[in-house]
Amino acid sequence: LWALAPQFAEQVLCDIQARMTSWRMSVPAGQEPRRFSLRR
């Protein structure tokens, strides 16, 4: 089940399928991803 705006459903599923064949980590190896930014 998905709680998803229906007009985006097809696009989302296509994006997921594309990621299965071409995935690149956005965080350099050995580094923890930044969870939040501190502003004031």
Full PDB file with SEQRES, HELIX, SHEET, SSBOND, CRYST1, ORIGX, SCALE, CONECT and MASTER records, all heavy atoms in Angstrom:
SEQRES   1 A   40  LEU TRP ALA LEU ALA PRO GLN PHE ALA GLU GLN VAL LEU          
SEQRES   2 A   40  CYS ASP ILE GLN ALA ARG MET THR SER TRP ARG MET SER          
SEQRES   3 A   40  VAL PRO ALA GLY GLN GLU PRO ARG ARG PHE SER LEU ARG          
SEQRES   4 A   40  ARG                                                          
HELIX    1 AA1 PRO A    6  PHE A    8  5                                   3    
HELIX    2 AA2 ALA A    9  THR A   21  1                                  13    
CRYST1    1.000    1.000    1.000  90.00  90.00  90.00 P 1           1          
ORIGX1      1.000000  0.000000  0.000000        0.00000                         
ORIGX2      0.000000  1.000000  0.000000        0.00000                         
ORIGX3      0.000000  0.000000  1.000000        0.00000                         
SCALE1      1.000000  0.000000  0.000000        0.00000                         
SCALE2      0.000000  1.000000  0.000000        0.00000                         
SCALE3      0.000000  0.000000  1.000000        0.00000                         
ATOM      1  N   LEU A   1       0.822  -1.199   0.000  1.00  0.00           N  
ATOM      2  CA  LEU A   1       0.000   0.000   0.000  1.00  0.00           C  
ATOM      3  C   LEU A   1       0.856   1.249   0.000  1.00  0.00           C  
ATOM      4  O   LEU A   1       1.880   1.315   0.663  1.00  0.00           O  
ATOM      5  CB  LEU A   1      -0.927   0.011   1.224  1.00  0.00           C  
ATOM      6  CG  LEU A   1      -2.060  -1.016   1.233  1.00  0.00           C  
ATOM      7  CD1 LEU A   1      -2.805  -0.950   2.555  1.00  0.00           C  
ATOM      8  CD2 LEU A   1      -3.015  -0.793   0.086  1.00  0.00           C  
ATOM      9  N   TRP A   2       0.374   2.263  -0.736  1.00  0.00           N  
ATOM     10  CA  TRP A   2       1.085   3.532  -0.813  1.00  0.00           C  
ATOM     11  C   TRP A   2       0.133   4.673  -0.462  1.00  0.00           C  
ATOM     12  O   TRP A   2      -1.013   4.691  -0.898  1.00  0.00           O  
ATOM     13  CB  TRP A   2       1.627   3.780  -2.230  1.00  0.00           C  
ATOM     14  CG  TRP A   2       2.731   2.865  -2.624  1.00  0.00           C  
ATOM     15  CD1 TRP A   2       2.633   1.533  -2.897  1.00  0.00           C  
ATOM     16  CD2 TRP A   2       4.110   3.199  -2.783  1.00  0.00           C  
ATOM     17  NE1 TRP A   2       3.861   1.019  -3.217  1.00  0.00           N  
ATOM     18  CE2 TRP A   2       4.785   2.015  -3.160  1.00  0.00           C  
ATOM     19  CE3 TRP A   2       4.835   4.373  -2.667  1.00  0.00           C  
ATOM     20  CZ2 TRP A   2       6.144   1.984  -3.408  1.00  0.00           C  
ATOM     21  CZ3 TRP A   2       6.200   4.349  -2.921  1.00  0.00           C  
ATOM     22  CH2 TRP A   2       6.836   3.165  -3.275  1.00  0.00           C  
ATOM     23  N   ALA A   3       0.618   5.602   0.337  1.00  0.00           N  
ATOM     24  CA  ALA A   3      -0.094   6.870   0.548  1.00  0.00           C  
ATOM     25  C   ALA A   3       0.595   7.858  -0.375  1.00  0.00           C  
ATOM     26  O   ALA A   3       1.557   8.517   0.001  1.00  0.00           O  
ATOM     27  CB  ALA A   3      -0.016   7.313   2.008  1.00  0.00           C  
ATOM     28  N   LEU A   4       0.102   7.933  -1.613  1.00  0.00           N  
ATOM     29  CA  LEU A   4       0.816   8.630  -2.682  1.00  0.00           C  
ATOM     30  C   LEU A   4      -0.186   9.346  -3.571  1.00  0.00           C  
ATOM     31  O   LEU A   4      -1.262   8.821  -3.858  1.00  0.00           O  
ATOM     32  CB  LEU A   4       1.606   7.610  -3.505  1.00  0.00           C  
ATOM     33  CG  LEU A   4       2.536   8.110  -4.604  1.00  0.00           C  
ATOM     34  CD1 LEU A   4       3.744   8.811  -4.002  1.00  0.00           C  
ATOM     35  CD2 LEU A   4       2.993   6.931  -5.462  1.00  0.00           C  
ATOM     36  N   ALA A   5       0.150  10.568  -3.962  1.00  0.00           N  
ATOM     37  CA  ALA A   5      -0.694  11.274  -4.923  1.00  0.00           C  
ATOM     38  C   ALA A   5      -0.770  10.444  -6.200  1.00  0.00           C  
ATOM     39  O   ALA A   5       0.267  10.124  -6.792  1.00  0.00           O  
ATOM     40  CB  ALA A   5      -0.122  12.654  -5.199  1.00  0.00           C  
ATOM     41  N   PRO A   6      -1.973  10.060  -6.665  1.00  0.00           N  
ATOM     42  CA  PRO A   6      -2.094   9.099  -7.772  1.00  0.00           C  
ATOM     43  C   PRO A   6      -1.437   9.539  -9.058  1.00  0.00           C  
ATOM     44  O   PRO A   6      -0.935   8.706  -9.809  1.00  0.00           O  
ATOM     45  CB  PRO A   6      -3.622   8.947  -7.926  1.00  0.00           C  
ATOM     46  CG  PRO A   6      -4.208  10.148  -7.278  1.00  0.00           C  
ATOM     47  CD  PRO A   6      -3.276  10.499  -6.164  1.00  0.00           C  
ATOM     48  N   GLN A   7      -1.423  10.844  -9.337  1.00  0.00           N  
ATOM     49  CA  GLN A   7      -0.824  11.287 -10.589  1.00  0.00           C  
ATOM     50  C   GLN A   7       0.684  11.093 -10.624  1.00  0.00           C  
ATOM     51  O   GLN A   7       1.312  11.212 -11.670  1.00  0.00           O  
ATOM     52  CB  GLN A   7      -1.160  12.758 -10.872  1.00  0.00           C  
ATOM     53  CG  GLN A   7      -0.685  13.741  -9.818  1.00  0.00           C  
ATOM     54  CD  GLN A   7      -1.761  14.036  -8.798  1.00  0.00           C  
ATOM     55  OE1 GLN A   7      -2.395  13.113  -8.309  1.00  0.00           O  
ATOM     56  NE2 GLN A   7      -1.973  15.297  -8.498  1.00  0.00           N  
ATOM     57  N   PHE A   8       1.278  10.794  -9.446  1.00  0.00           N  
ATOM     58  CA  PHE A   8       2.721  10.569  -9.391  1.00  0.00           C  
ATOM     59  C   PHE A   8       3.075   9.079  -9.300  1.00  0.00           C  
ATOM     60  O   PHE A   8       4.245   8.728  -9.279  1.00  0.00           O  
ATOM     61  CB  PHE A   8       3.321  11.296  -8.190  1.00  0.00           C  
ATOM     62  CG  PHE A   8       3.192  12.788  -8.262  1.00  0.00           C  
ATOM     63  CD1 PHE A   8       2.182  13.434  -7.579  1.00  0.00           C  
ATOM     64  CD2 PHE A   8       4.058  13.543  -9.028  1.00  0.00           C  
ATOM     65  CE1 PHE A   8       2.043  14.811  -7.642  1.00  0.00           C  
ATOM     66  CE2 PHE A   8       3.932  14.919  -9.096  1.00  0.00           C  
ATOM     67  CZ  PHE A   8       2.913  15.559  -8.403  1.00  0.00           C  
ATOM     68  N   ALA A   9       2.067   8.228  -9.221  1.00  0.00           N  
ATOM     69  CA  ALA A   9       2.320   6.809  -8.977  1.00  0.00           C  
ATOM     70  C   ALA A   9       3.183   6.179 -10.064  1.00  0.00           C  
ATOM     71  O   ALA A   9       4.174   5.500  -9.790  1.00  0.00           O  
ATOM     72  CB  ALA A   9       0.991   6.064  -8.842  1.00  0.00           C  
ATOM     73  N   GLU A  10       2.812   6.398 -11.326  1.00  0.00           N  
ATOM     74  CA  GLU A  10       3.554   5.781 -12.426  1.00  0.00           C  
ATOM     75  C   GLU A  10       4.991   6.290 -12.466  1.00  0.00           C  
ATOM     76  O   GLU A  10       5.937   5.516 -12.661  1.00  0.00           O  
ATOM     77  CB  GLU A  10       2.847   6.079 -13.755  1.00  0.00           C  
ATOM     78  CG  GLU A  10       3.396   5.287 -14.929  1.00  0.00           C  
ATOM     79  CD  GLU A  10       3.084   3.801 -14.818  1.00  0.00           C  
ATOM     80  OE1 GLU A  10       2.084   3.454 -14.162  1.00  0.00           O  
ATOM     81  OE2 GLU A  10       3.842   3.006 -15.403  1.00  0.00           O  
ATOM     82  N   GLN A  11       5.132   7.603 -12.257  1.00  0.00           N  
ATOM     83  CA  GLN A  11       6.480   8.192 -12.284  1.00  0.00           C  
ATOM     84  C   GLN A  11       7.350   7.618 -11.169  1.00  0.00           C  
ATOM     85  O   GLN A  11       8.523   7.308 -11.371  1.00  0.00           O  
ATOM     86  CB  GLN A  11       6.376   9.708 -12.141  1.00  0.00           C  
ATOM     87  CG  GLN A  11       7.731  10.402 -12.057  1.00  0.00           C  
ATOM     88  CD  GLN A  11       7.589  11.894 -11.800  1.00  0.00           C  
ATOM     89  OE1 GLN A  11       6.524  12.463 -12.021  1.00  0.00           O  
ATOM     90  NE2 GLN A  11       8.654  12.506 -11.323  1.00  0.00           N  
ATOM     91  N   VAL A  12       6.753   7.465  -9.978  1.00  0.00           N  
ATOM     92  CA  VAL A  12       7.509   6.947  -8.841  1.00  0.00           C  
ATOM     93  C   VAL A  12       7.979   5.520  -9.097  1.00  0.00           C  
ATOM     94  O   VAL A  12       9.139   5.159  -8.855  1.00  0.00           O  
ATOM     95  CB  VAL A  12       6.649   7.011  -7.565  1.00  0.00           C  
ATOM     96  CG1 VAL A  12       7.290   6.194  -6.447  1.00  0.00           C  
ATOM     97  CG2 VAL A  12       6.468   8.453  -7.135  1.00  0.00           C  
ATOM     98  N   LEU A  13       7.095   4.689  -9.627  1.00  0.00           N  
ATOM     99  CA  LEU A  13       7.473   3.302  -9.891  1.00  0.00           C  
ATOM    100  C   LEU A  13       8.560   3.216 -10.959  1.00  0.00           C  
ATOM    101  O   LEU A  13       9.465   2.389 -10.880  1.00  0.00           O  
ATOM    102  CB  LEU A  13       6.240   2.505 -10.311  1.00  0.00           C  
ATOM    103  CG  LEU A  13       5.189   2.286  -9.207  1.00  0.00           C  
ATOM    104  CD1 LEU A  13       3.971   1.572  -9.778  1.00  0.00           C  
ATOM    105  CD2 LEU A  13       5.774   1.485  -8.052  1.00  0.00           C  
ATOM    106  N   CYS A  14       8.477   4.092 -11.947  1.00  0.00           N  
ATOM    107  CA  CYS A  14       9.524   4.110 -12.983  1.00  0.00           C  
ATOM    108  C   CYS A  14      10.862   4.562 -12.403  1.00  0.00           C  
ATOM    109  O   CYS A  14      11.918   4.017 -12.753  1.00  0.00           O  
ATOM    110  CB  CYS A  14       9.107   5.032 -14.127  1.00  0.00           C  
ATOM    111  SG  CYS A  14       7.742   4.391 -15.122  1.00  0.00           S  
ATOM    112  N   ASP A  15      10.802   5.532 -11.503  1.00  0.00           N  
ATOM    113  CA  ASP A  15      12.032   6.002 -10.866  1.00  0.00           C  
ATOM    114  C   ASP A  15      12.687   4.894 -10.053  1.00  0.00           C  
ATOM    115  O   ASP A  15      13.904   4.719 -10.068  1.00  0.00           O  
ATOM    116  CB  ASP A  15      11.737   7.201  -9.961  1.00  0.00           C  
ATOM    117  CG  ASP A  15      11.444   8.462 -10.763  1.00  0.00           C  
ATOM    118  OD1 ASP A  15      11.739   8.468 -11.966  1.00  0.00           O  
ATOM    119  OD2 ASP A  15      10.919   9.428 -10.169  1.00  0.00           O  
ATOM    120  N   ILE A  16      11.864   4.137  -9.345  1.00  0.00           N  
ATOM    121  CA  ILE A  16      12.399   3.035  -8.536  1.00  0.00           C  
ATOM    122  C   ILE A  16      13.064   1.987  -9.425  1.00  0.00           C  
ATOM    123  O   ILE A  16      14.156   1.482  -9.127  1.00  0.00           O  
ATOM    124  CB  ILE A  16      11.272   2.396  -7.691  1.00  0.00           C  
ATOM    125  CG1 ILE A  16      10.800   3.374  -6.614  1.00  0.00           C  
ATOM    126  CG2 ILE A  16      11.747   1.092  -7.054  1.00  0.00           C  
ATOM    127  CD1 ILE A  16       9.619   2.867  -5.809  1.00  0.00           C  
ATOM    128  N   GLN A  17      12.412   1.686 -10.540  1.00  0.00           N  
ATOM    129  CA  GLN A  17      12.980   0.691 -11.452  1.00  0.00           C  
ATOM    130  C   GLN A  17      14.308   1.183 -12.037  1.00  0.00           C  
ATOM    131  O   GLN A  17      15.261   0.416 -12.190  1.00  0.00           O  
ATOM    132  CB  GLN A  17      11.983   0.401 -12.571  1.00  0.00           C  
ATOM    133  CG  GLN A  17      12.331  -0.847 -13.379  1.00  0.00           C  
ATOM    134  CD  GLN A  17      11.185  -1.290 -14.254  1.00  0.00           C  
ATOM    135  OE1 GLN A  17      10.344  -0.483 -14.632  1.00  0.00           O  
ATOM    136  NE2 GLN A  17      11.138  -2.584 -14.576  1.00  0.00           N  
ATOM    137  N   ALA A  18      14.379   2.495 -12.344  1.00  0.00           N  
ATOM    138  CA  ALA A  18      15.616   3.051 -12.877  1.00  0.00           C  
ATOM    139  C   ALA A  18      16.737   2.989 -11.853  1.00  0.00           C  
ATOM    140  O   ALA A  18      17.895   2.709 -12.184  1.00  0.00           O  
ATOM    141  CB  ALA A  18      15.378   4.491 -13.322  1.00  0.00           C  
ATOM    142  N   ARG A  19      16.384   3.225 -10.603  1.00  0.00           N  
ATOM    143  CA  ARG A  19      17.412   3.186  -9.552  1.00  0.00           C  
ATOM    144  C   ARG A  19      17.969   1.776  -9.366  1.00  0.00           C  
ATOM    145  O   ARG A  19      19.096   1.599  -8.923  1.00  0.00           O  
ATOM    146  CB  ARG A  19      16.832   3.697  -8.241  1.00  0.00           C  
ATOM    147  CG  ARG A  19      16.615   5.202  -8.220  1.00  0.00           C  
ATOM    148  CD  ARG A  19      15.780   5.591  -7.012  1.00  0.00           C  
ATOM    149  NE  ARG A  19      15.443   7.001  -7.077  1.00  0.00           N  
ATOM    150  CZ  ARG A  19      15.833   7.908  -6.206  1.00  0.00           C  
ATOM    151  NH1 ARG A  19      16.604   7.564  -5.211  1.00  0.00           N  
ATOM    152  NH2 ARG A  19      15.456   9.160  -6.313  1.00  0.00           N  
ATOM    153  N   MET A  20      17.148   0.757  -9.674  1.00  0.00           N  
ATOM    154  CA  MET A  20      17.620  -0.622  -9.518  1.00  0.00           C  
ATOM    155  C   MET A  20      18.750  -0.937 -10.496  1.00  0.00           C  
ATOM    156  O   MET A  20      19.576  -1.811 -10.244  1.00  0.00           O  
ATOM    157  CB  MET A  20      16.455  -1.594  -9.722  1.00  0.00           C  
ATOM    158  CG  MET A  20      15.370  -1.495  -8.653  1.00  0.00           C  
ATOM    159  SD  MET A  20      13.948  -2.557  -9.005  1.00  0.00           S  
ATOM    160  CE  MET A  20      14.684  -4.171  -8.835  1.00  0.00           C  
ATOM    161  N   THR A  21      18.781  -0.234 -11.620  1.00  0.00           N  
ATOM    162  CA  THR A  21      19.811  -0.518 -12.622  1.00  0.00           C  
ATOM    163  C   THR A  21      20.961   0.480 -12.604  1.00  0.00           C  
ATOM    164  O   THR A  21      22.025   0.201 -13.139  1.00  0.00           O  
ATOM    165  CB  THR A  21      19.187  -0.523 -14.028  1.00  0.00           C  
ATOM    166  OG1 THR A  21      18.553   0.744 -14.263  1.00  0.00           O  
ATOM    167  CG2 THR A  21      18.144  -1.617 -14.136  1.00  0.00           C  
ATOM    168  N   SER A  22      20.722   1.665 -12.021  1.00  0.00           N  
ATOM    169  CA  SER A  22      21.796   2.665 -11.970  1.00  0.00           C  
ATOM    170  C   SER A  22      21.722   3.416 -10.652  1.00  0.00           C  
ATOM    171  O   SER A  22      21.024   4.409 -10.533  1.00  0.00           O  
ATOM    172  CB  SER A  22      21.657   3.659 -13.126  1.00  0.00           C  
ATOM    173  OG  SER A  22      20.424   4.318 -13.075  1.00  0.00           O  
ATOM    174  N   TRP A  23      22.390   2.881  -9.669  1.00  0.00           N  
ATOM    175  CA  TRP A  23      22.363   3.467  -8.334  1.00  0.00           C  
ATOM    176  C   TRP A  23      23.752   3.943  -7.946  1.00  0.00           C  
ATOM    177  O   TRP A  23      24.732   3.246  -8.119  1.00  0.00           O  
ATOM    178  CB  TRP A  23      21.857   2.441  -7.311  1.00  0.00           C  
ATOM    179  CG  TRP A  23      21.956   2.927  -5.918  1.00  0.00           C  
ATOM    180  CD1 TRP A  23      21.369   4.025  -5.377  1.00  0.00           C  
ATOM    181  CD2 TRP A  23      22.702   2.329  -4.853  1.00  0.00           C  
ATOM    182  NE1 TRP A  23      21.684   4.160  -4.055  1.00  0.00           N  
ATOM    183  CE2 TRP A  23      22.509   3.124  -3.708  1.00  0.00           C  
ATOM    184  CE3 TRP A  23      23.517   1.191  -4.764  1.00  0.00           C  
ATOM    185  CZ2 TRP A  23      23.086   2.832  -2.483  1.00  0.00           C  
ATOM    186  CZ3 TRP A  23      24.080   0.899  -3.544  1.00  0.00           C  
ATOM    187  CH2 TRP A  23      23.869   1.711  -2.422  1.00  0.00           C  
ATOM    188  N   ARG A  24      23.811   5.167  -7.451  1.00  0.00           N  
ATOM    189  CA  ARG A  24      25.073   5.707  -6.957  1.00  0.00           C  
ATOM    190  C   ARG A  24      24.844   6.275  -5.568  1.00  0.00           C  
ATOM    191  O   ARG A  24      23.876   6.999  -5.335  1.00  0.00           O  
ATOM    192  CB  ARG A  24      25.592   6.813  -7.878  1.00  0.00           C  
ATOM    193  CG  ARG A  24      26.014   6.328  -9.237  1.00  0.00           C  
ATOM    194  CD  ARG A  24      26.554   7.469 -10.060  1.00  0.00           C  
ATOM    195  NE  ARG A  24      25.558   8.514 -10.259  1.00  0.00           N  
ATOM    196  CZ  ARG A  24      25.823   9.673 -10.850  1.00  0.00           C  
ATOM    197  NH1 ARG A  24      27.040   9.952 -11.266  1.00  0.00           N  
ATOM    198  NH2 ARG A  24      24.868  10.571 -11.006  1.00  0.00           N  
ATOM    199  N   MET A  25      25.728   5.953  -4.680  1.00  0.00           N  
ATOM    200  CA  MET A  25      25.622   6.478  -3.322  1.00  0.00           C  
ATOM    201  C   MET A  25      25.834   7.985  -3.344  1.00  0.00           C  
ATOM    202  O   MET A  25      26.734   8.486  -3.989  1.00  0.00           O  
ATOM    203  CB  MET A  25      26.668   5.835  -2.406  1.00  0.00           C  
ATOM    204  CG  MET A  25      26.404   4.382  -2.090  1.00  0.00           C  
ATOM    205  SD  MET A  25      24.959   4.178  -1.028  1.00  0.00           S  
ATOM    206  CE  MET A  25      25.606   4.856   0.503  1.00  0.00           C  
ATOM    207  N   SER A  26      24.975   8.718  -2.617  1.00  0.00           N  
ATOM    208  CA  SER A  26      25.107  10.173  -2.529  1.00  0.00           C  
ATOM    209  C   SER A  26      26.047  10.599  -1.411  1.00  0.00           C  
ATOM    210  O   SER A  26      26.398  11.765  -1.315  1.00  0.00           O  
ATOM    211  CB  SER A  26      23.731  10.807  -2.300  1.00  0.00           C  
ATOM    212  OG  SER A  26      23.149  10.318  -1.113  1.00  0.00           O  
ATOM    213  N   VAL A  27      26.437   9.645  -0.579  1.00  0.00           N  
ATOM    214  CA  VAL A  27      27.323   9.958   0.547  1.00  0.00           C  
ATOM    215  C   VAL A  27      28.656   9.248   0.327  1.00  0.00           C  
ATOM    216  O   VAL A  27      28.685   8.049   0.062  1.00  0.00           O  
ATOM    217  CB  VAL A  27      26.695   9.499   1.885  1.00  0.00           C  
ATOM    218  CG1 VAL A  27      27.623   9.830   3.042  1.00  0.00           C  
ATOM    219  CG2 VAL A  27      25.337  10.147   2.071  1.00  0.00           C  
ATOM    220  N   PRO A  28      29.775   9.966   0.404  1.00  0.00           N  
ATOM    221  CA  PRO A  28      31.074   9.336   0.215  1.00  0.00           C  
ATOM    222  C   PRO A  28      31.287   8.182   1.190  1.00  0.00           C  
ATOM    223  O   PRO A  28      30.807   8.215   2.326  1.00  0.00           O  
ATOM    224  CB  PRO A  28      32.063  10.474   0.486  1.00  0.00           C  
ATOM    225  CG  PRO A  28      31.279  11.719   0.213  1.00  0.00           C  
ATOM    226  CD  PRO A  28      29.884  11.407   0.635  1.00  0.00           C  
ATOM    227  N   ALA A  29      32.024   7.188   0.727  1.00  0.00           N  
ATOM    228  CA  ALA A  29      32.287   6.022   1.565  1.00  0.00           C  
ATOM    229  C   ALA A  29      33.012   6.439   2.839  1.00  0.00           C  
ATOM    230  O   ALA A  29      33.910   7.270   2.820  1.00  0.00           O  
ATOM    231  CB  ALA A  29      33.129   5.008   0.785  1.00  0.00           C  
ATOM    232  N   GLY A  30      32.581   5.835   3.952  1.00  0.00           N  
ATOM    233  CA  GLY A  30      33.222   6.120   5.227  1.00  0.00           C  
ATOM    234  C   GLY A  30      32.686   7.335   5.954  1.00  0.00           C  
ATOM    235  O   GLY A  30      33.110   7.634   7.064  1.00  0.00           O  
ATOM    236  N   GLN A  31      31.733   8.050   5.330  1.00  0.00           N  
ATOM    237  CA  GLN A  31      31.161   9.228   5.963  1.00  0.00           C  
ATOM    238  C   GLN A  31      29.692   8.989   6.301  1.00  0.00           C  
ATOM    239  O   GLN A  31      28.968   8.345   5.559  1.00  0.00           O  
ATOM    240  CB  GLN A  31      31.271  10.452   5.057  1.00  0.00           C  
ATOM    241  CG  GLN A  31      32.694  10.896   4.780  1.00  0.00           C  
ATOM    242  CD  GLN A  31      32.733  12.177   3.960  1.00  0.00           C  
ATOM    243  OE1 GLN A  31      31.750  12.890   3.877  1.00  0.00           O  
ATOM    244  NE2 GLN A  31      33.881  12.453   3.369  1.00  0.00           N  
ATOM    245  N   GLU A  32      29.268   9.525   7.437  1.00  0.00           N  
ATOM    246  CA  GLU A  32      27.878   9.448   7.824  1.00  0.00           C  
ATOM    247  C   GLU A  32      27.089  10.537   7.095  1.00  0.00           C  
ATOM    248  O   GLU A  32      27.551  11.664   6.979  1.00  0.00           O  
ATOM    249  CB  GLU A  32      27.731   9.633   9.343  1.00  0.00           C  
ATOM    250  CG  GLU A  32      28.198   8.446  10.164  1.00  0.00           C  
ATOM    251  CD  GLU A  32      27.328   7.217   9.932  1.00  0.00           C  
ATOM    252  OE1 GLU A  32      26.111   7.379   9.743  1.00  0.00           O  
ATOM    253  OE2 GLU A  32      27.883   6.108   9.922  1.00  0.00           O  
ATOM    254  N   PRO A  33      25.894  10.250   6.592  1.00  0.00           N  
ATOM    255  CA  PRO A  33      25.092  11.288   5.939  1.00  0.00           C  
ATOM    256  C   PRO A  33      24.671  12.351   6.946  1.00  0.00           C  
ATOM    257  O   PRO A  33      24.437  12.059   8.112  1.00  0.00           O  
ATOM    258  CB  PRO A  33      23.879  10.518   5.413  1.00  0.00           C  
ATOM    259  CG  PRO A  33      23.801   9.286   6.259  1.00  0.00           C  
ATOM    260  CD  PRO A  33      25.217   8.937   6.604  1.00  0.00           C  
ATOM    261  N   ARG A  34      24.600  13.561   6.477  1.00  0.00           N  
ATOM    262  CA  ARG A  34      24.190  14.657   7.349  1.00  0.00           C  
ATOM    263  C   ARG A  34      22.683  14.616   7.514  1.00  0.00           C  
ATOM    264  O   ARG A  34      21.935  14.703   6.547  1.00  0.00           O  
ATOM    265  CB  ARG A  34      24.619  15.992   6.737  1.00  0.00           C  
ATOM    266  CG  ARG A  34      24.400  17.175   7.663  1.00  0.00           C  
ATOM    267  CD  ARG A  34      24.968  18.428   7.050  1.00  0.00           C  
ATOM    268  NE  ARG A  34      24.878  19.548   7.959  1.00  0.00           N  
ATOM    269  CZ  ARG A  34      25.322  20.772   7.692  1.00  0.00           C  
ATOM    270  NH1 ARG A  34      25.904  20.994   6.526  1.00  0.00           N  
ATOM    271  NH2 ARG A  34      25.199  21.742   8.558  1.00  0.00           N  
ATOM    272  N   ARG A  35      22.243  14.519   8.756  1.00  0.00           N  
ATOM    273  CA  ARG A  35      20.823  14.314   9.023  1.00  0.00           C  
ATOM    274  C   ARG A  35      20.028  15.618   9.078  1.00  0.00           C  
ATOM    275  O   ARG A  35      18.831  15.602   8.837  1.00  0.00           O  
ATOM    276  CB  ARG A  35      20.651  13.557  10.349  1.00  0.00           C  
ATOM    277  CG  ARG A  35      21.256  12.171  10.344  1.00  0.00           C  
ATOM    278  CD  ARG A  35      20.503  11.248   9.403  1.00  0.00           C  
ATOM    279  NE  ARG A  35      21.105   9.923   9.350  1.00  0.00           N  
ATOM    280  CZ  ARG A  35      20.625   8.925   8.633  1.00  0.00           C  
ATOM    281  NH1 ARG A  35      19.551   9.096   7.898  1.00  0.00           N  
ATOM    282  NH2 ARG A  35      21.219   7.753   8.621  1.00  0.00           N  
ATOM    283  N   PHE A  36      20.651  16.727   9.437  1.00  0.00           N  
ATOM    284  CA  PHE A  36      19.936  17.999   9.464  1.00  0.00           C  
ATOM    285  C   PHE A  36      20.940  19.137   9.334  1.00  0.00           C  
ATOM    286  O   PHE A  36      22.135  18.967   9.565  1.00  0.00           O  
ATOM    287  CB  PHE A  36      19.114  18.161  10.751  1.00  0.00           C  
ATOM    288  CG  PHE A  36      19.925  18.260  12.007  1.00  0.00           C  
ATOM    289  CD1 PHE A  36      20.448  19.484  12.426  1.00  0.00           C  
ATOM    290  CD2 PHE A  36      20.173  17.145  12.793  1.00  0.00           C  
ATOM    291  CE1 PHE A  36      21.196  19.588  13.587  1.00  0.00           C  
ATOM    292  CE2 PHE A  36      20.925  17.228  13.954  1.00  0.00           C  
ATOM    293  CZ  PHE A  36      21.438  18.464  14.351  1.00  0.00           C  
ATOM    294  N   SER A  37      20.437  20.298   8.942  1.00  0.00           N  
ATOM    295  CA  SER A  37      21.263  21.505   8.904  1.00  0.00           C  
ATOM    296  C   SER A  37      20.793  22.432  10.014  1.00  0.00           C  
ATOM    297  O   SER A  37      19.586  22.534  10.277  1.00  0.00           O  
ATOM    298  CB  SER A  37      21.149  22.201   7.546  1.00  0.00           C  
ATOM    299  OG  SER A  37      19.811  22.576   7.281  1.00  0.00           O  
ATOM    300  N   LEU A  38      21.736  23.105  10.655  1.00  0.00           N  
ATOM    301  CA  LEU A  38      21.407  23.987  11.779  1.00  0.00           C  
ATOM    302  C   LEU A  38      21.376  25.423  11.283  1.00  0.00           C  
ATOM    303  O   LEU A  38      22.373  25.946  10.788  1.00  0.00           O  
ATOM    304  CB  LEU A  38      22.447  23.822  12.898  1.00  0.00           C  
ATOM    305  CG  LEU A  38      22.139  24.569  14.202  1.00  0.00           C  
ATOM    306  CD1 LEU A  38      20.858  24.029  14.826  1.00  0.00           C  
ATOM    307  CD2 LEU A  38      23.301  24.425  15.182  1.00  0.00           C  
ATOM    308  N   ARG A  39      20.241  26.069  11.436  1.00  0.00           N  
ATOM    309  CA  ARG A  39      20.064  27.461  10.994  1.00  0.00           C  
ATOM    310  C   ARG A  39      19.432  28.272  12.112  1.00  0.00           C  
ATOM    311  O   ARG A  39      18.274  28.061  12.458  1.00  0.00           O  
ATOM    312  CB  ARG A  39      19.198  27.514   9.736  1.00  0.00           C  
ATOM    313  CG  ARG A  39      19.828  26.803   8.549  1.00  0.00           C  
ATOM    314  CD  ARG A  39      18.875  26.728   7.377  1.00  0.00           C  
ATOM    315  NE  ARG A  39      18.436  28.051   6.942  1.00  0.00           N  
ATOM    316  CZ  ARG A  39      17.513  28.238   5.988  1.00  0.00           C  
ATOM    317  NH1 ARG A  39      16.954  27.189   5.395  1.00  0.00           N  
ATOM    318  NH2 ARG A  39      17.161  29.451   5.642  1.00  0.00           N  
ATOM    319  N   ARG A  40      20.239  29.169  12.694  1.00  0.00           N  
ATOM    320  CA  ARG A  40      19.781  30.054  13.775  1.00  0.00           C  
ATOM    321  C   ARG A  40      19.133  29.284  14.917  1.00  0.00           C  
ATOM    322  O   ARG A  40      18.123  29.681  15.473  1.00  0.00           O  
ATOM    323  CB  ARG A  40      18.813  31.096  13.224  1.00  0.00           C  
ATOM    324  CG  ARG A  40      19.504  32.153  12.375  1.00  0.00           C  
ATOM    325  CD  ARG A  40      18.510  33.171  11.881  1.00  0.00           C  
ATOM    326  NE  ARG A  40      17.656  32.639  10.836  1.00  0.00           N  
ATOM    327  CZ  ARG A  40      16.420  33.037  10.595  1.00  0.00           C  
ATOM    328  NH1 ARG A  40      15.860  33.960  11.340  1.00  0.00           N  
ATOM    329  NH2 ARG A  40      15.727  32.512   9.606  1.00  0.00           N  
TER     330      ARG A  40                                                      
MASTER        0    0    0    2    0    0    0    6  329    1    0    4          
END                                                                             
